[in-house]
N, C-alpha and C. Protein backbone atom coordinates (compact mmCIF):
# COMPACT_ATOMS: atom_id res chain seq x y z
N MET A 1 0.83 -1.18 0.00
CA MET A 1 0.00 0.00 0.00
C MET A 1 0.88 1.26 0.00
N LEU A 2 1.95 1.24 0.77
CA LEU A 2 2.83 2.41 0.80
C LEU A 2 3.49 2.61 -0.56
N ASP A 3 3.86 1.53 -1.22
CA ASP A 3 4.44 1.65 -2.56
C ASP A 3 3.46 2.33 -3.52
N ARG A 4 2.18 1.96 -3.46
CA ARG A 4 1.16 2.61 -4.30
C ARG A 4 1.03 4.08 -3.95
N ALA A 5 1.11 4.39 -2.67
CA ALA A 5 1.01 5.79 -2.22
C ALA A 5 2.18 6.61 -2.76
N ILE A 6 3.36 6.04 -2.74
CA ILE A 6 4.55 6.74 -3.24
C ILE A 6 4.38 7.07 -4.73
N VAL A 7 3.94 6.08 -5.50
CA VAL A 7 3.72 6.29 -6.93
C VAL A 7 2.68 7.39 -7.15
N ALA A 8 1.59 7.34 -6.38
CA ALA A 8 0.51 8.34 -6.52
C ALA A 8 1.02 9.73 -6.16
N LEU A 9 1.79 9.86 -5.09
CA LEU A 9 2.33 11.16 -4.69
C LEU A 9 3.27 11.73 -5.75
N LYS A 10 4.10 10.87 -6.32
CA LYS A 10 5.03 11.34 -7.35
C LYS A 10 4.29 11.79 -8.60
N SER A 11 3.16 11.15 -8.87
CA SER A 11 2.38 11.48 -10.06
C SER A 11 1.64 12.80 -9.91
N ASN A 12 0.92 12.96 -8.76
CA ASN A 12 0.13 14.18 -8.54
C ASN A 12 -0.24 14.24 -7.06
N GLU A 13 0.46 15.08 -6.32
CA GLU A 13 0.28 15.15 -4.86
C GLU A 13 -1.16 15.49 -4.48
N HIS A 14 -1.75 16.47 -5.11
CA HIS A 14 -3.12 16.88 -4.78
C HIS A 14 -4.11 15.74 -4.97
N THR A 15 -4.04 15.07 -6.12
CA THR A 15 -4.93 13.94 -6.40
C THR A 15 -4.67 12.81 -5.42
N ALA A 16 -3.40 12.53 -5.15
CA ALA A 16 -3.05 11.44 -4.24
C ALA A 16 -3.65 11.68 -2.85
N LEU A 17 -3.50 12.89 -2.32
CA LEU A 17 -4.03 13.17 -0.99
C LEU A 17 -5.55 13.04 -0.97
N SER A 18 -6.19 13.44 -2.03
CA SER A 18 -7.64 13.28 -2.13
C SER A 18 -8.02 11.79 -2.12
N GLU A 19 -7.27 10.99 -2.84
CA GLU A 19 -7.52 9.54 -2.86
C GLU A 19 -7.25 8.91 -1.50
N PHE A 20 -6.19 9.35 -0.82
CA PHE A 20 -5.87 8.80 0.50
C PHE A 20 -6.99 9.11 1.50
N ASN A 21 -7.62 10.26 1.35
CA ASN A 21 -8.68 10.67 2.28
C ASN A 21 -10.05 10.10 1.93
N ASP A 22 -10.18 9.46 0.79
CA ASP A 22 -11.44 8.84 0.37
C ASP A 22 -11.56 7.47 1.02
N GLN A 23 -12.39 7.36 2.06
CA GLN A 23 -12.55 6.11 2.81
C GLN A 23 -13.00 4.94 1.92
N ASN A 24 -13.59 5.22 0.77
CA ASN A 24 -14.06 4.17 -0.13
C ASN A 24 -13.01 3.74 -1.15
N ASN A 25 -11.87 4.38 -1.16
CA ASN A 25 -10.81 4.03 -2.10
C ASN A 25 -10.03 2.84 -1.55
N LYS A 26 -10.29 1.67 -2.10
CA LYS A 26 -9.71 0.42 -1.59
C LYS A 26 -8.21 0.29 -1.88
N GLN A 27 -7.67 1.14 -2.77
CA GLN A 27 -6.22 1.12 -3.00
C GLN A 27 -5.47 1.60 -1.77
N PHE A 28 -6.12 2.51 -1.01
CA PHE A 28 -5.43 3.14 0.11
C PHE A 28 -6.14 2.94 1.44
N HIS A 29 -7.18 2.09 1.45
CA HIS A 29 -7.91 1.74 2.68
C HIS A 29 -8.28 0.26 2.61
N ASP A 30 -7.82 -0.51 3.58
CA ASP A 30 -8.17 -1.92 3.64
C ASP A 30 -8.28 -2.30 5.12
N ARG A 31 -9.52 -2.41 5.58
CA ARG A 31 -9.82 -2.66 7.00
C ARG A 31 -9.13 -1.63 7.88
N ASP A 32 -8.16 -2.03 8.73
CA ASP A 32 -7.50 -1.04 9.59
C ASP A 32 -6.18 -0.53 8.99
N LEU A 33 -5.95 -0.82 7.71
CA LEU A 33 -4.78 -0.30 7.00
C LEU A 33 -5.20 0.91 6.18
N TYR A 34 -4.41 1.96 6.24
CA TYR A 34 -4.70 3.17 5.48
C TYR A 34 -3.42 4.00 5.38
N VAL A 35 -3.40 4.91 4.43
CA VAL A 35 -2.27 5.83 4.26
C VAL A 35 -2.53 7.08 5.09
N PHE A 36 -1.53 7.53 5.83
CA PHE A 36 -1.61 8.82 6.52
C PHE A 36 -0.47 9.68 6.01
N CYS A 37 -0.68 10.99 6.00
CA CYS A 37 0.36 11.92 5.54
C CYS A 37 0.32 13.20 6.35
N PHE A 38 1.44 13.89 6.35
CA PHE A 38 1.51 15.23 6.93
C PHE A 38 2.53 16.05 6.16
N ASN A 39 2.34 17.35 6.21
CA ASN A 39 3.20 18.30 5.53
C ASN A 39 4.52 18.40 6.30
N MET A 40 5.63 18.23 5.61
CA MET A 40 6.93 18.24 6.28
C MET A 40 7.35 19.63 6.75
N SER A 41 6.83 20.68 6.15
CA SER A 41 7.26 22.01 6.56
C SER A 41 6.55 22.52 7.80
N ASP A 42 5.25 22.22 7.94
CA ASP A 42 4.54 22.73 9.12
C ASP A 42 3.93 21.63 10.00
N GLY A 43 4.09 20.37 9.62
CA GLY A 43 3.60 19.26 10.44
C GLY A 43 2.10 19.01 10.36
N LYS A 44 1.37 19.76 9.55
CA LYS A 44 -0.09 19.62 9.48
C LYS A 44 -0.48 18.31 8.80
N VAL A 45 -1.40 17.58 9.42
CA VAL A 45 -1.89 16.32 8.87
C VAL A 45 -2.68 16.63 7.60
N THR A 46 -2.34 15.93 6.51
CA THR A 46 -3.01 16.13 5.22
C THR A 46 -3.84 14.93 4.81
N SER A 47 -3.60 13.79 5.45
CA SER A 47 -4.37 12.58 5.16
C SER A 47 -4.38 11.70 6.40
N TYR A 48 -5.59 11.23 6.76
CA TYR A 48 -5.72 10.34 7.92
C TYR A 48 -7.08 9.68 7.87
N SER A 49 -7.20 8.53 8.49
CA SER A 49 -8.49 7.81 8.47
C SER A 49 -9.54 8.49 9.33
N ALA A 50 -9.11 9.30 10.28
CA ALA A 50 -10.03 10.07 11.12
C ALA A 50 -10.01 11.51 10.63
N PRO A 51 -11.02 11.92 9.85
CA PRO A 51 -11.01 13.25 9.23
C PRO A 51 -10.83 14.41 10.20
N PHE A 52 -11.22 14.24 11.47
CA PHE A 52 -11.08 15.35 12.42
C PHE A 52 -9.62 15.71 12.69
N LEU A 53 -8.68 14.83 12.32
CA LEU A 53 -7.27 15.14 12.53
C LEU A 53 -6.64 15.91 11.38
N ILE A 54 -7.34 16.01 10.25
CA ILE A 54 -6.82 16.76 9.12
C ILE A 54 -6.59 18.21 9.57
N GLY A 55 -5.41 18.71 9.34
CA GLY A 55 -5.06 20.08 9.74
C GLY A 55 -4.40 20.18 11.10
N ALA A 56 -4.47 19.10 11.90
CA ALA A 56 -3.80 19.11 13.20
C ALA A 56 -2.28 18.99 13.00
N ASP A 57 -1.51 19.50 13.93
CA ASP A 57 -0.06 19.38 13.87
C ASP A 57 0.33 18.00 14.39
N VAL A 58 0.86 17.16 13.50
CA VAL A 58 1.21 15.79 13.86
C VAL A 58 2.17 15.76 15.05
N ARG A 59 3.00 16.78 15.19
CA ARG A 59 4.01 16.79 16.25
C ARG A 59 3.40 16.90 17.64
N THR A 60 2.11 17.25 17.73
CA THR A 60 1.45 17.39 19.03
C THR A 60 0.69 16.14 19.45
N LEU A 61 0.62 15.12 18.57
CA LEU A 61 -0.17 13.92 18.87
C LEU A 61 0.60 12.98 19.79
N THR A 62 -0.08 12.53 20.84
CA THR A 62 0.53 11.61 21.79
C THR A 62 -0.37 10.41 22.04
N LEU A 63 0.25 9.31 22.44
CA LEU A 63 -0.45 8.11 22.91
C LEU A 63 0.00 7.90 24.34
N VAL A 64 -0.86 8.19 25.27
CA VAL A 64 -0.54 8.16 26.70
C VAL A 64 0.67 9.09 26.91
N SER A 65 1.84 8.54 27.21
CA SER A 65 3.02 9.39 27.42
C SER A 65 4.00 9.32 26.24
N ASP A 66 3.61 8.67 25.16
CA ASP A 66 4.48 8.52 23.99
C ASP A 66 4.20 9.66 23.00
N PRO A 67 5.18 10.51 22.72
CA PRO A 67 4.99 11.59 21.76
C PRO A 67 5.07 11.05 20.33
N ILE A 68 4.16 10.17 19.97
CA ILE A 68 4.20 9.44 18.71
C ILE A 68 4.24 10.36 17.50
N GLY A 69 3.52 11.46 17.53
CA GLY A 69 3.51 12.38 16.40
C GLY A 69 4.88 13.01 16.16
N GLN A 70 5.52 13.46 17.22
CA GLN A 70 6.86 14.03 17.09
C GLN A 70 7.84 12.96 16.62
N ARG A 71 7.70 11.74 17.15
CA ARG A 71 8.59 10.65 16.73
C ARG A 71 8.40 10.34 15.25
N ALA A 72 7.14 10.32 14.77
CA ALA A 72 6.87 10.07 13.35
C ALA A 72 7.50 11.17 12.49
N TYR A 73 7.31 12.40 12.90
CA TYR A 73 7.87 13.55 12.17
C TYR A 73 9.40 13.46 12.12
N ASP A 74 10.03 13.21 13.26
CA ASP A 74 11.48 13.12 13.33
C ASP A 74 12.02 11.94 12.52
N THR A 75 11.31 10.82 12.56
CA THR A 75 11.73 9.62 11.83
C THR A 75 11.78 9.91 10.34
N ILE A 76 10.73 10.51 9.82
CA ILE A 76 10.68 10.78 8.38
C ILE A 76 11.70 11.84 7.97
N ARG A 77 11.92 12.83 8.81
CA ARG A 77 12.89 13.89 8.50
C ARG A 77 14.30 13.36 8.37
N THR A 78 14.62 12.26 9.05
CA THR A 78 16.00 11.78 9.10
C THR A 78 16.34 10.78 7.99
N VAL A 79 15.37 10.36 7.19
CA VAL A 79 15.66 9.41 6.11
C VAL A 79 15.66 10.12 4.77
N PRO A 80 16.47 9.65 3.83
CA PRO A 80 16.46 10.26 2.49
C PRO A 80 15.09 10.08 1.84
N GLU A 81 14.73 11.03 0.98
CA GLU A 81 13.44 10.96 0.28
C GLU A 81 13.30 9.62 -0.43
N GLY A 82 12.14 9.00 -0.24
CA GLY A 82 11.83 7.73 -0.90
C GLY A 82 12.29 6.49 -0.14
N LYS A 83 13.18 6.67 0.83
CA LYS A 83 13.61 5.53 1.65
C LYS A 83 12.57 5.30 2.73
N ILE A 84 12.42 4.06 3.15
CA ILE A 84 11.39 3.73 4.14
C ILE A 84 12.02 3.51 5.51
N ALA A 85 11.45 4.16 6.51
CA ALA A 85 11.87 3.99 7.91
C ALA A 85 10.74 3.28 8.65
N ILE A 86 11.08 2.60 9.72
CA ILE A 86 10.09 1.87 10.52
C ILE A 86 10.05 2.46 11.92
N LEU A 87 8.86 2.78 12.36
CA LEU A 87 8.62 3.31 13.70
C LEU A 87 7.74 2.29 14.43
N GLN A 88 8.10 1.95 15.64
CA GLN A 88 7.34 0.97 16.43
C GLN A 88 6.70 1.66 17.63
N TYR A 89 5.47 1.27 17.95
CA TYR A 89 4.79 1.80 19.13
C TYR A 89 3.74 0.81 19.59
N LYS A 90 3.12 1.08 20.72
CA LYS A 90 2.10 0.21 21.31
C LYS A 90 0.74 0.89 21.25
N LEU A 91 -0.27 0.13 20.84
CA LEU A 91 -1.64 0.62 20.76
C LEU A 91 -2.56 -0.59 20.81
N PRO A 92 -3.64 -0.55 21.58
CA PRO A 92 -4.56 -1.69 21.59
C PRO A 92 -5.18 -1.91 20.21
N LYS A 93 -5.33 -3.18 19.84
CA LYS A 93 -6.04 -3.50 18.61
C LYS A 93 -7.50 -3.11 18.79
N PRO A 94 -8.19 -2.82 17.68
CA PRO A 94 -9.61 -2.47 17.79
C PRO A 94 -10.39 -3.53 18.58
N GLY A 95 -11.19 -3.08 19.52
CA GLY A 95 -12.00 -3.98 20.32
C GLY A 95 -11.28 -4.61 21.50
N THR A 96 -10.02 -4.20 21.76
CA THR A 96 -9.25 -4.74 22.88
C THR A 96 -8.75 -3.60 23.75
N ILE A 97 -8.21 -3.94 24.90
CA ILE A 97 -7.63 -2.91 25.77
C ILE A 97 -6.14 -3.14 26.01
N GLU A 98 -5.64 -4.33 25.67
CA GLU A 98 -4.24 -4.67 25.89
C GLU A 98 -3.37 -4.08 24.77
N PRO A 99 -2.35 -3.29 25.11
CA PRO A 99 -1.49 -2.72 24.06
C PRO A 99 -0.81 -3.81 23.23
N ALA A 100 -0.78 -3.60 21.92
CA ALA A 100 -0.13 -4.51 20.99
C ALA A 100 0.90 -3.71 20.18
N THR A 101 1.91 -4.40 19.69
CA THR A 101 2.94 -3.74 18.90
C THR A 101 2.39 -3.38 17.52
N LYS A 102 2.62 -2.14 17.16
CA LYS A 102 2.20 -1.66 15.85
C LYS A 102 3.44 -1.09 15.16
N LEU A 103 3.59 -1.41 13.88
CA LEU A 103 4.71 -0.91 13.10
C LEU A 103 4.20 0.09 12.08
N SER A 104 4.93 1.17 11.92
CA SER A 104 4.59 2.20 10.96
C SER A 104 5.72 2.30 9.96
N PHE A 105 5.40 2.03 8.69
CA PHE A 105 6.37 2.16 7.61
C PHE A 105 6.17 3.54 7.01
N GLU A 106 7.22 4.36 7.03
CA GLU A 106 7.09 5.78 6.70
C GLU A 106 8.17 6.24 5.73
N THR A 107 7.82 7.23 4.94
CA THR A 107 8.77 7.85 4.02
C THR A 107 8.32 9.27 3.74
N HIS A 108 9.13 10.00 2.98
CA HIS A 108 8.66 11.30 2.52
C HIS A 108 8.94 11.43 1.03
N ILE A 109 7.96 12.00 0.36
CA ILE A 109 8.03 12.28 -1.06
C ILE A 109 7.71 13.76 -1.22
N GLY A 110 8.66 14.51 -1.74
CA GLY A 110 8.46 15.95 -1.82
C GLY A 110 8.27 16.52 -0.43
N ASN A 111 7.19 17.24 -0.21
CA ASN A 111 6.92 17.86 1.08
C ASN A 111 5.94 17.06 1.94
N GLN A 112 5.61 15.84 1.52
CA GLN A 112 4.67 15.01 2.28
C GLN A 112 5.41 13.87 2.98
N GLY A 113 5.18 13.74 4.27
CA GLY A 113 5.63 12.58 5.02
C GLY A 113 4.44 11.64 5.12
N CYS A 114 4.60 10.40 4.67
CA CYS A 114 3.46 9.47 4.64
C CYS A 114 3.86 8.12 5.19
N GLY A 115 2.86 7.37 5.60
CA GLY A 115 3.11 6.03 6.10
C GLY A 115 1.88 5.17 6.11
N VAL A 116 2.11 3.91 6.43
CA VAL A 116 1.07 2.91 6.61
C VAL A 116 1.46 2.12 7.84
N THR A 117 0.50 1.89 8.74
CA THR A 117 0.78 1.14 9.97
C THR A 117 0.02 -0.18 9.99
N TYR A 118 0.58 -1.14 10.70
CA TYR A 118 -0.13 -2.40 10.89
C TYR A 118 0.30 -3.04 12.21
N TYR A 119 -0.56 -3.90 12.74
CA TYR A 119 -0.25 -4.61 13.97
C TYR A 119 0.64 -5.79 13.66
N GLU A 120 1.66 -5.99 14.50
CA GLU A 120 2.59 -7.09 14.35
C GLU A 120 1.91 -8.40 14.68
């Protein structure tokens, strides 16, 4: 899914972000898998499965005491464009309360930092 997102971003960033935000687009949404993106210059979320986060500064997002948004931003900033970095964190699976390991595969193309996460 991330590979498809990279191709889409390189082709047309505006169209790609619109497709990523379309919950019915099965290329970029499959059950709990989806593409998320944020602007590398100001940290604003440009694509996410929860529309209320669009426009929020990713660097301010936390999970309990984990500054996951800042970690995601820093992870993508430190890798060369197009290279994939892996960020690990804990989050309960849907319908559970016990934290599970989740991996986020992330990269940046142009001014967009994007990724796809899944449970290990």
